[in-house]
C-alpha atoms as a PDB file:
ATOM      1  CA  MET A   1      41.118 -29.125 -50.817  1.00  0.00           C
ATOM      2  CA  THR A   2      42.699 -31.992 -48.806  1.00  0.00           C
ATOM      3  CA  GLN A   3      42.380 -32.320 -45.082  1.00  0.00           C
ATOM      4  CA  HIS A   4      42.314 -34.844 -42.347  1.00  0.00           C
ATOM      5  CA  PRO A   5      39.282 -34.447 -40.051  1.00  0.00           C
ATOM      6  CA  ASN A   6      41.002 -35.408 -36.850  1.00  0.00           C
ATOM      7  CA  LEU A   7      43.876 -33.117 -37.537  1.00  0.00           C
ATOM      8  CA  MET A   8      41.835 -30.129 -38.639  1.00  0.00           C
ATOM      9  CA  SER A   9      39.257 -30.443 -35.848  1.00  0.00           C
ATOM     10  CA  LYS A  10      42.012 -30.294 -33.272  1.00  0.00           C
ATOM     11  CA  VAL A  11      43.754 -27.431 -35.058  1.00  0.00           C
ATOM     12  CA  SER A  12      40.499 -25.413 -35.263  1.00  0.00           C
ATOM     13  CA  ARG A  13      40.094 -25.469 -31.525  1.00  0.00           C
ATOM     14  CA  LEU A  14      43.556 -23.785 -31.011  1.00  0.00           C
ATOM     15  CA  PRO A  15      43.655 -20.035 -31.083  1.00  0.00           C
ATOM     16  CA  ALA A  16      45.667 -18.782 -34.082  1.00  0.00           C
ATOM     17  CA  ALA A  17      47.768 -16.695 -31.803  1.00  0.00           C
ATOM     18  CA  LEU A  18      48.903 -19.855 -29.914  1.00  0.00           C
ATOM     19  CA  LEU A  19      49.803 -21.480 -33.211  1.00  0.00           C
ATOM     20  CA  LEU A  20      51.874 -18.439 -34.150  1.00  0.00           C
ATOM     21  CA  ALA A  21      53.609 -18.310 -30.793  1.00  0.00           C
ATOM     22  CA  LEU A  22      54.381 -22.006 -30.337  1.00  0.00           C
ATOM     23  CA  GLY A  23      55.184 -23.023 -33.957  1.00  0.00           C
ATOM     24  CA  LEU A  24      52.909 -26.072 -33.594  1.00  0.00           C
ATOM     25  CA  SER A  25      53.992 -28.746 -36.078  1.00  0.00           C
ATOM     26  CA  LEU A  26      51.137 -29.647 -38.486  1.00  0.00           C
ATOM     27  CA  ALA A  27      50.831 -31.546 -41.707  1.00  0.00           C
ATOM     28  CA  ALA A  28      50.264 -28.972 -44.373  1.00  0.00           C
ATOM     29  CA  CYS A  29      46.766 -29.352 -45.972  1.00  0.00           C
ATOM     30  CA  GLY A  30      46.063 -32.360 -43.765  1.00  0.00           C
ATOM     31  CA  ASP A  31      48.422 -35.130 -44.796  1.00  0.00           C
ATOM     32  CA  GLY A  32      47.107 -38.734 -44.824  1.00  0.00           C
ATOM     33  CA  GLY A  33      46.712 -40.103 -41.283  1.00  0.00           C
ATOM     34  CA  ALA A  34      48.816 -37.550 -39.557  1.00  0.00           C
ATOM     35  CA  LYS A  35      47.547 -36.444 -36.164  1.00  0.00           C
ATOM     36  CA  ALA A  36      48.032 -33.047 -34.570  1.00  0.00           C
ATOM     37  CA  PRO A  37      50.609 -33.300 -31.777  1.00  0.00           C
ATOM     38  CA  GLU A  38      49.876 -32.070 -28.327  1.00  0.00           C
ATOM     39  CA  PRO A  39      51.662 -28.835 -27.596  1.00  0.00           C
ATOM     40  CA  ASP A  40      55.161 -29.563 -26.458  1.00  0.00           C
ATOM     41  CA  LYS A  41      55.781 -28.244 -22.987  1.00  0.00           C
ATOM     42  CA  LYS A  42      59.540 -27.743 -23.668  1.00  0.00           C
ATOM     43  CA  ALA A  43      58.827 -25.874 -26.831  1.00  0.00           C
ATOM     44  CA  GLU A  44      56.231 -23.831 -25.013  1.00  0.00           C
ATOM     45  CA  THR A  45      58.863 -22.647 -22.497  1.00  0.00           C
ATOM     46  CA  GLU A  46      61.419 -22.064 -25.224  1.00  0.00           C
ATOM     47  CA  ALA A  47      58.985 -19.989 -27.455  1.00  0.00           C
ATOM     48  CA  PRO A  48      60.190 -16.462 -28.046  1.00  0.00           C
ATOM     49  CA  ALA A  49      59.018 -14.104 -25.414  1.00  0.00           C
ATOM     50  CA  SER A  50      56.442 -11.497 -26.407  1.00  0.00           C
ATOM     51  CA  PRO A  51      58.052  -8.133 -27.287  1.00  0.00           C
ATOM     52  CA  ALA A  52      58.581  -5.763 -24.439  1.00  0.00           C
ATOM     53  CA  PRO A  53      55.659  -3.278 -24.261  1.00  0.00           C
ATOM     54  CA  ASP A  54      58.106  -0.317 -24.283  1.00  0.00           C
ATOM     55  CA  ASP A  55      59.948  -1.522 -27.338  1.00  0.00           C
ATOM     56  CA  PRO A  56      58.552   0.578 -30.291  1.00  0.00           C
ATOM     57  CA  ALA A  57      60.435  -1.492 -32.853  1.00  0.00           C
ATOM     58  CA  ASN A  58      58.355  -4.513 -31.896  1.00  0.00           C
ATOM     59  CA  THR A  59      55.038  -3.088 -30.916  1.00  0.00           C
ATOM     60  CA  SER A  60      54.554  -0.459 -33.708  1.00  0.00           C
ATOM     61  CA  PRO A  61      53.766  -1.300 -37.384  1.00  0.00           C
ATOM     62  CA  ILE A  62      56.797  -1.258 -39.529  1.00  0.00           C
ATOM     63  CA  PRO A  63      56.763   1.418 -42.280  1.00  0.00           C
ATOM     64  CA  GLY A  64      56.277  -0.176 -45.660  1.00  0.00           C
ATOM     65  CA  VAL A  65      55.027  -3.476 -44.256  1.00  0.00           C
ATOM     66  CA  PRO A  66      51.304  -3.762 -45.281  1.00  0.00           C
ATOM     67  CA  LEU A  67      48.760  -5.010 -42.759  1.00  0.00           C
ATOM     68  CA  ASP A  68      45.673  -4.602 -45.054  1.00  0.00           C
ATOM     69  CA  ASP A  69      44.361  -7.011 -47.638  1.00  0.00           C
ATOM     70  CA  MET A  70      46.650  -7.892 -50.577  1.00  0.00           C
ATOM     71  CA  ALA A  71      44.607  -8.008 -53.732  1.00  0.00           C
ATOM     72  CA  GLU A  72      44.708  -8.093 -57.513  1.00  0.00           C
ATOM     73  CA  GLY A  73      41.974  -6.816 -59.829  1.00  0.00           C
ATOM     74  CA  SER A  74      39.644  -3.892 -59.968  1.00  0.00           C
ATOM     75  CA  VAL A  75      38.251  -2.507 -56.746  1.00  0.00           C
ATOM     76  CA  ASP A  76      34.996  -2.015 -58.756  1.00  0.00           C
ATOM     77  CA  ALA A  77      34.750  -5.664 -59.721  1.00  0.00           C
ATOM     78  CA  PRO A  78      31.273  -7.070 -58.997  1.00  0.00           C
ATOM     79  CA  VAL A  79      32.559 -10.217 -57.391  1.00  0.00           C
ATOM     80  CA  THR A  80      35.210 -10.681 -54.651  1.00  0.00           C
ATOM     81  CA  VAL A  81      37.067 -13.904 -54.345  1.00  0.00           C
ATOM     82  CA  ILE A  82      39.332 -14.670 -51.349  1.00  0.00           C
ATOM     83  CA  GLU A  83      41.849 -17.411 -51.257  1.00  0.00           C
ATOM     84  CA  PHE A  84      43.042 -18.753 -47.898  1.00  0.00           C
ATOM     85  CA  ALA A  85      46.288 -20.515 -48.289  1.00  0.00           C
ATOM     86  CA  SER A  86      49.404 -21.771 -46.447  1.00  0.00           C
ATOM     87  CA  LEU A  87      52.707 -21.322 -48.141  1.00  0.00           C
ATOM     88  CA  THR A  88      53.770 -24.856 -47.009  1.00  0.00           C
ATOM     89  CA  CYS A  89      50.690 -26.507 -48.522  1.00  0.00           C
ATOM     90  CA  PRO A  90      51.537 -28.456 -51.652  1.00  0.00           C
ATOM     91  CA  HIS A  91      47.892 -28.148 -52.819  1.00  0.00           C
ATOM     92  CA  CYS A  92      48.140 -24.415 -52.495  1.00  0.00           C
ATOM     93  CA  ALA A  93      51.272 -24.480 -54.628  1.00  0.00           C
ATOM     94  CA  HIS A  94      49.358 -26.536 -57.236  1.00  0.00           C
ATOM     95  CA  PHE A  95      46.576 -24.088 -57.087  1.00  0.00           C
ATOM     96  CA  GLN A  96      48.932 -21.189 -57.658  1.00  0.00           C
ATOM     97  CA  LYS A  97      50.628 -22.920 -60.607  1.00  0.00           C
ATOM     98  CA  GLU A  98      47.598 -24.460 -62.401  1.00  0.00           C
ATOM     99  CA  THR A  99      44.388 -22.685 -61.281  1.00  0.00           C
ATOM    100  CA  PHE A 100      45.208 -19.069 -60.499  1.00  0.00           C
ATOM    101  CA  PRO A 101      46.493 -18.280 -63.960  1.00  0.00           C
ATOM    102  CA  LEU A 102      43.128 -19.386 -65.441  1.00  0.00           C
ATOM    103  CA  LEU A 103      41.293 -17.282 -62.899  1.00  0.00           C
ATOM    104  CA  LYS A 104      43.522 -14.339 -63.715  1.00  0.00           C
ATOM    105  CA  ARG A 105      42.959 -14.693 -67.422  1.00  0.00           C
ATOM    106  CA  ASP A 106      39.249 -15.219 -67.333  1.00  0.00           C
ATOM    107  CA  PHE A 107      38.186 -13.170 -64.411  1.00  0.00           C
ATOM    108  CA  ILE A 108      40.807 -10.843 -62.896  1.00  0.00           C
ATOM    109  CA  ASP A 109      42.096  -9.317 -66.145  1.00  0.00           C
ATOM    110  CA  THR A 110      38.579  -8.980 -67.447  1.00  0.00           C
ATOM    111  CA  GLY A 111      37.510  -6.920 -64.492  1.00  0.00           C
ATOM    112  CA  LYS A 112      34.973  -9.479 -63.264  1.00  0.00           C
ATOM    113  CA  ILE A 113      36.561 -10.227 -59.840  1.00  0.00           C
ATOM    114  CA  ARG A 114      38.689  -8.696 -57.190  1.00  0.00           C
ATOM    115  CA  PHE A 115      41.008 -11.479 -55.944  1.00  0.00           C
ATOM    116  CA  ILE A 116      42.221 -11.245 -52.319  1.00  0.00           C
ATOM    117  CA  PHE A 117      44.935 -13.473 -50.909  1.00  0.00           C
ATOM    118  CA  ARG A 118      44.762 -14.200 -47.183  1.00  0.00           C
ATOM    119  CA  GLU A 119      47.396 -16.129 -45.235  1.00  0.00           C
ATOM    120  CA  PHE A 120      46.230 -19.182 -43.349  1.00  0.00           C
ATOM    121  CA  PRO A 121      49.577 -20.707 -42.185  1.00  0.00           C
ATOM    122  CA  LEU A 122      49.252 -24.281 -41.042  1.00  0.00           C
ATOM    123  CA  ASP A 123      52.687 -24.369 -39.366  1.00  0.00           C
ATOM    124  CA  SER A 124      55.452 -22.125 -38.130  1.00  0.00           C
ATOM    125  CA  TYR A 125      57.374 -22.360 -41.393  1.00  0.00           C
ATOM    126  CA  ALA A 126      54.344 -20.954 -43.213  1.00  0.00           C
ATOM    127  CA  VAL A 127      54.107 -18.248 -40.609  1.00  0.00           C
ATOM    128  CA  ASP A 128      57.735 -17.219 -41.291  1.00  0.00           C
ATOM    129  CA  ALA A 129      57.170 -17.304 -45.049  1.00  0.00           C
ATOM    130  CA  ALA A 130      54.049 -15.237 -44.854  1.00  0.00           C
ATOM    131  CA  ILE A 131      55.887 -12.706 -42.680  1.00  0.00           C
ATOM    132  CA  LEU A 132      58.612 -12.506 -45.386  1.00  0.00           C
ATOM    133  CA  ALA A 133      56.049 -11.825 -48.107  1.00  0.00           C
ATOM    134  CA  ARG A 134      54.475  -9.042 -46.051  1.00  0.00           C
ATOM    135  CA  CYS A 135      57.902  -7.688 -45.165  1.00  0.00           C
ATOM    136  CA  SER A 136      58.797  -7.343 -48.869  1.00  0.00           C
ATOM    137  CA  GLY A 137      56.055  -4.650 -49.221  1.00  0.00           C
ATOM    138  CA  THR A 138      52.999  -4.211 -51.401  1.00  0.00           C
ATOM    139  CA  GLU A 139      54.934  -3.988 -54.701  1.00  0.00           C
ATOM    140  CA  ASN A 140      56.737  -7.264 -54.212  1.00  0.00           C
ATOM    141  CA  TYR A 141      54.202  -9.231 -52.178  1.00  0.00           C
ATOM    142  CA  PHE A 142      52.680 -11.392 -54.973  1.00  0.00           C
ATOM    143  CA  LYS A 143      56.134 -11.891 -56.534  1.00  0.00           C
ATOM    144  CA  VAL A 144      57.399 -13.333 -53.290  1.00  0.00           C
ATOM    145  CA  LEU A 145      54.322 -15.549 -52.978  1.00  0.00           C
ATOM    146  CA  GLY A 146      54.754 -16.865 -56.486  1.00  0.00           C
ATOM    147  CA  LYS A 147      58.476 -17.664 -55.877  1.00  0.00           C
ATOM    148  CA  LEU A 148      57.920 -19.317 -52.572  1.00  0.00           C
ATOM    149  CA  PHE A 149      55.130 -21.409 -53.967  1.00  0.00           C
ATOM    150  CA  ALA A 150      57.052 -22.373 -57.066  1.00  0.00           C
ATOM    151  CA  GLU A 151      60.195 -23.344 -55.033  1.00  0.00           C
ATOM    152  CA  GLN A 152      58.609 -24.926 -51.933  1.00  0.00           C
ATOM    153  CA  PRO A 153      60.965 -27.951 -52.067  1.00  0.00           C
ATOM    154  CA  GLN A 154      64.006 -25.661 -51.991  1.00  0.00           C
ATOM    155  CA  TRP A 155      63.258 -23.806 -48.775  1.00  0.00           C
ATOM    156  CA  MET A 156      60.989 -26.137 -46.825  1.00  0.00           C
ATOM    157  CA  PRO A 157      62.636 -28.745 -44.522  1.00  0.00           C
ATOM    158  CA  ALA A 158      62.169 -32.407 -44.751  1.00  0.00           C
ATOM    159  CA  PRO A 159      58.974 -33.726 -43.017  1.00  0.00           C
ATOM    160  CA  GLY A 160      59.308 -34.121 -39.303  1.00  0.00           C
ATOM    161  CA  PRO A 161      58.747 -32.366 -35.975  1.00  0.00           C
ATOM    162  CA  ILE A 162      59.479 -28.653 -35.950  1.00  0.00           C
ATOM    163  CA  SER A 163      62.306 -27.736 -33.706  1.00  0.00           C
ATOM    164  CA  GLU A 164      64.191 -24.552 -32.934  1.00  0.00           C
ATOM    165  CA  VAL A 165      66.981 -25.770 -35.092  1.00  0.00           C
ATOM    166  CA  SER A 166      64.856 -26.640 -38.176  1.00  0.00           C
ATOM    167  CA  ARG A 167      62.884 -23.413 -37.883  1.00  0.00           C
ATOM    168  CA  LYS A 168      66.060 -21.274 -37.689  1.00  0.00           C
ATOM    169  CA  ALA A 169      67.459 -23.072 -40.721  1.00  0.00           C
ATOM    170  CA  THR A 170      64.245 -22.378 -42.644  1.00  0.00           C
ATOM    171  CA  GLN A 171      64.312 -18.762 -41.547  1.00  0.00           C
ATOM    172  CA  ASP A 172      67.820 -18.565 -42.962  1.00  0.00           C
ATOM    173  CA  ARG A 173      66.721 -20.033 -46.292  1.00  0.00           C
ATOM    174  CA  LEU A 174      63.830 -17.595 -46.425  1.00  0.00           C
ATOM    175  CA  ALA A 175      66.149 -14.717 -45.585  1.00  0.00           C
ATOM    176  CA  ASN A 176      68.101 -15.570 -48.746  1.00  0.00           C
ATOM    177  CA  TYR A 177      64.860 -15.102 -50.749  1.00  0.00           C
ATOM    178  CA  GLY A 178      64.256 -11.805 -49.019  1.00  0.00           C
ATOM    179  CA  GLU A 179      67.591 -10.458 -50.388  1.00  0.00           C
ATOM    180  CA  ASP A 180      66.250 -10.741 -53.874  1.00  0.00           C
ATOM    181  CA  PHE A 181      63.235  -8.442 -52.939  1.00  0.00           C
ATOM    182  CA  GLY A 182      65.134  -5.792 -50.895  1.00  0.00           C
ATOM    183  CA  VAL A 183      64.517  -7.385 -47.442  1.00  0.00           C
ATOM    184  CA  ASP A 184      67.906  -7.735 -45.708  1.00  0.00           C
ATOM    185  CA  GLU A 185      68.314 -10.010 -42.732  1.00  0.00           C
ATOM    186  CA  LYS A 186      68.011  -7.270 -40.166  1.00  0.00           C
ATOM    187  CA  LYS A 187      64.636  -6.159 -41.629  1.00  0.00           C
ATOM    188  CA  TYR A 188      63.311  -9.693 -41.866  1.00  0.00           C
ATOM    189  CA  GLN A 189      64.271 -10.275 -38.214  1.00  0.00           C
ATOM    190  CA  ALA A 190      62.403  -7.126 -37.279  1.00  0.00           C
ATOM    191  CA  CYS A 191      59.358  -8.336 -39.159  1.00  0.00           C
ATOM    192  CA  LEU A 192      59.499 -11.788 -37.431  1.00  0.00           C
ATOM    193  CA  ASN A 193      59.528 -10.029 -34.069  1.00  0.00           C
ATOM    194  CA  ASN A 194      56.831  -7.479 -34.975  1.00  0.00           C
ATOM    195  CA  LYS A 195      53.635  -7.893 -32.798  1.00  0.00           C
ATOM    196  CA  PRO A 196      51.255  -6.035 -35.067  1.00  0.00           C
ATOM    197  CA  LEU A 197      52.257  -8.242 -38.054  1.00  0.00           C
ATOM    198  CA  LYS A 198      51.867 -11.412 -35.968  1.00  0.00           C
ATOM    199  CA  ASP A 199      48.584 -10.256 -34.598  1.00  0.00           C
ATOM    200  CA  HIS A 200      47.376  -9.513 -38.051  1.00  0.00           C
ATOM    201  CA  LEU A 201      48.045 -13.047 -39.169  1.00  0.00           C
ATOM    202  CA  ALA A 202      46.510 -14.565 -36.054  1.00  0.00           C
ATOM    203  CA  ASN A 203      43.343 -12.409 -36.387  1.00  0.00           C
ATOM    204  CA  ARG A 204      42.885 -13.283 -40.072  1.00  0.00           C
ATOM    205  CA  MET A 205      43.160 -16.999 -39.250  1.00  0.00           C
ATOM    206  CA  ASP A 206      40.537 -16.710 -36.435  1.00  0.00           C
ATOM    207  CA  GLU A 207      38.263 -14.799 -38.764  1.00  0.00           C
ATOM    208  CA  ALA A 208      38.598 -17.363 -41.495  1.00  0.00           C
ATOM    209  CA  ARG A 209      37.500 -20.126 -39.169  1.00  0.00           C
ATOM    210  CA  SER A 210      34.639 -18.253 -37.524  1.00  0.00           C
ATOM    211  CA  ARG A 211      33.241 -16.253 -40.409  1.00  0.00           C
ATOM    212  CA  TYR A 212      33.833 -18.679 -43.399  1.00  0.00           C
ATOM    213  CA  GLN A 213      34.359 -22.047 -41.666  1.00  0.00           C
ATOM    214  CA  VAL A 214      37.731 -22.465 -43.223  1.00  0.00           C
ATOM    215  CA  ASN A 215      39.524 -25.579 -41.878  1.00  0.00           C
ATOM    216  CA  GLY A 216      41.850 -26.487 -44.662  1.00  0.00           C
ATOM    217  CA  THR A 217      43.808 -25.014 -47.579  1.00  0.00           C
ATOM    218  CA  PRO A 218      43.510 -23.851 -50.204  1.00  0.00           C
ATOM    219  CA  ALA A 219      39.975 -22.542 -49.419  1.00  0.00           C
ATOM    220  CA  ILE A 220      38.155 -20.282 -51.791  1.00  0.00           C
ATOM    221  CA  VAL A 221      35.406 -17.882 -50.792  1.00  0.00           C
ATOM    222  CA  VAL A 222      33.218 -16.192 -53.476  1.00  0.00           C
ATOM    223  CA  ASN A 223      31.176 -13.255 -52.334  1.00  0.00           C
ATOM    224  CA  GLY A 224      31.228 -14.520 -48.736  1.00  0.00           C
ATOM    225  CA  LYS A 225      30.448 -18.181 -49.533  1.00  0.00           C
ATOM    226  CA  LEU A 226      33.010 -20.963 -49.231  1.00  0.00           C
ATOM    227  CA  THR A 227      33.158 -23.118 -52.339  1.00  0.00           C
ATOM    228  CA  SER A 228      32.982 -26.878 -52.126  1.00  0.00           C
ATOM    229  CA  SER A 229      36.297 -27.248 -54.000  1.00  0.00           C
ATOM    230  CA  PRO A 230      39.163 -25.067 -55.118  1.00  0.00           C
ATOM    231  CA  SER A 231      39.076 -26.554 -58.667  1.00  0.00           C
ATOM    232  CA  TYR A 232      38.835 -24.110 -61.504  1.00  0.00           C
ATOM    233  CA  ALA A 233      35.462 -25.538 -62.604  1.00  0.00           C
ATOM    234  CA  GLU A 234      33.927 -25.094 -59.164  1.00  0.00           C
ATOM    235  CA  VAL A 235      35.306 -21.589 -58.518  1.00  0.00           C
ATOM    236  CA  ALA A 236      34.412 -20.498 -62.026  1.00  0.00           C
ATOM    237  CA  LYS A 237      30.893 -21.815 -61.559  1.00  0.00           C
ATOM    238  CA  ALA A 238      30.559 -19.896 -58.236  1.00  0.00           C
ATOM    239  CA  ILE A 239      31.827 -16.709 -59.783  1.00  0.00           C
ATOM    240  CA  ASN A 240      29.468 -16.904 -62.725  1.00  0.00           C
ATOM    241  CA  GLU A 241      26.558 -17.562 -60.306  1.00  0.00           C
ATOM    242  CA  ALA A 242      27.485 -14.515 -58.288  1.00  0.00           C
ATOM    243  CA  MET A 243      27.752 -12.143 -61.211  1.00  0.00           C
ATOM    244  CA  PRO A 244      24.933  -9.537 -61.400  1.00  0.00           C
ATOM    245  CA  LYS A 245      22.188 -10.633 -63.719  1.00  0.00           C
END
């Protein structure tokens, strides 16, 4: 797990709801010597207004869009593993490609662990991507995650400040992915504006920080304990130590 201490310490002091609302530009996973920018006042004033309280389309959960944990593996598994990840994090994409298949082979498919994926979006692009995955429904959720991780360079913009233009362009690219999983542009826009869905992501991020001390991605928690590394060796060791004797 790669992170920059100055960056992540500033990020951890910002409420997740503020990050979701402002689309604060961050270096995914903590990149080199990057520093977290101060909230841009202009962007703050241009941030989308909160949904009107009397608009049921925005303030009520969308049918078929899950707000609970997304998981693989038996509910009766003796060990629970949680991954906190950002869809714009290249280290998370590497974990998905190289490490997760090994965990699935050795521990999920053998009934030893229940694997839960929780979104920890480090920038507004990751927020929009996480919303797309949720919007695709339970059946397609992990398929969308896999595709977005595998094709990060194709939908993520070039490095640089997040602007209204760059975010809209990224949302358009994500919407094209949604079409492959039954999410048309109208539904995706409804999900982007849905308060319960955005609140769910914000609350999960706050919980990750306060309960598990997550401050970078990917972060792996085994039976409530944050591992020192997301490497297969370290996660497998933690799982085996947590197994009932």
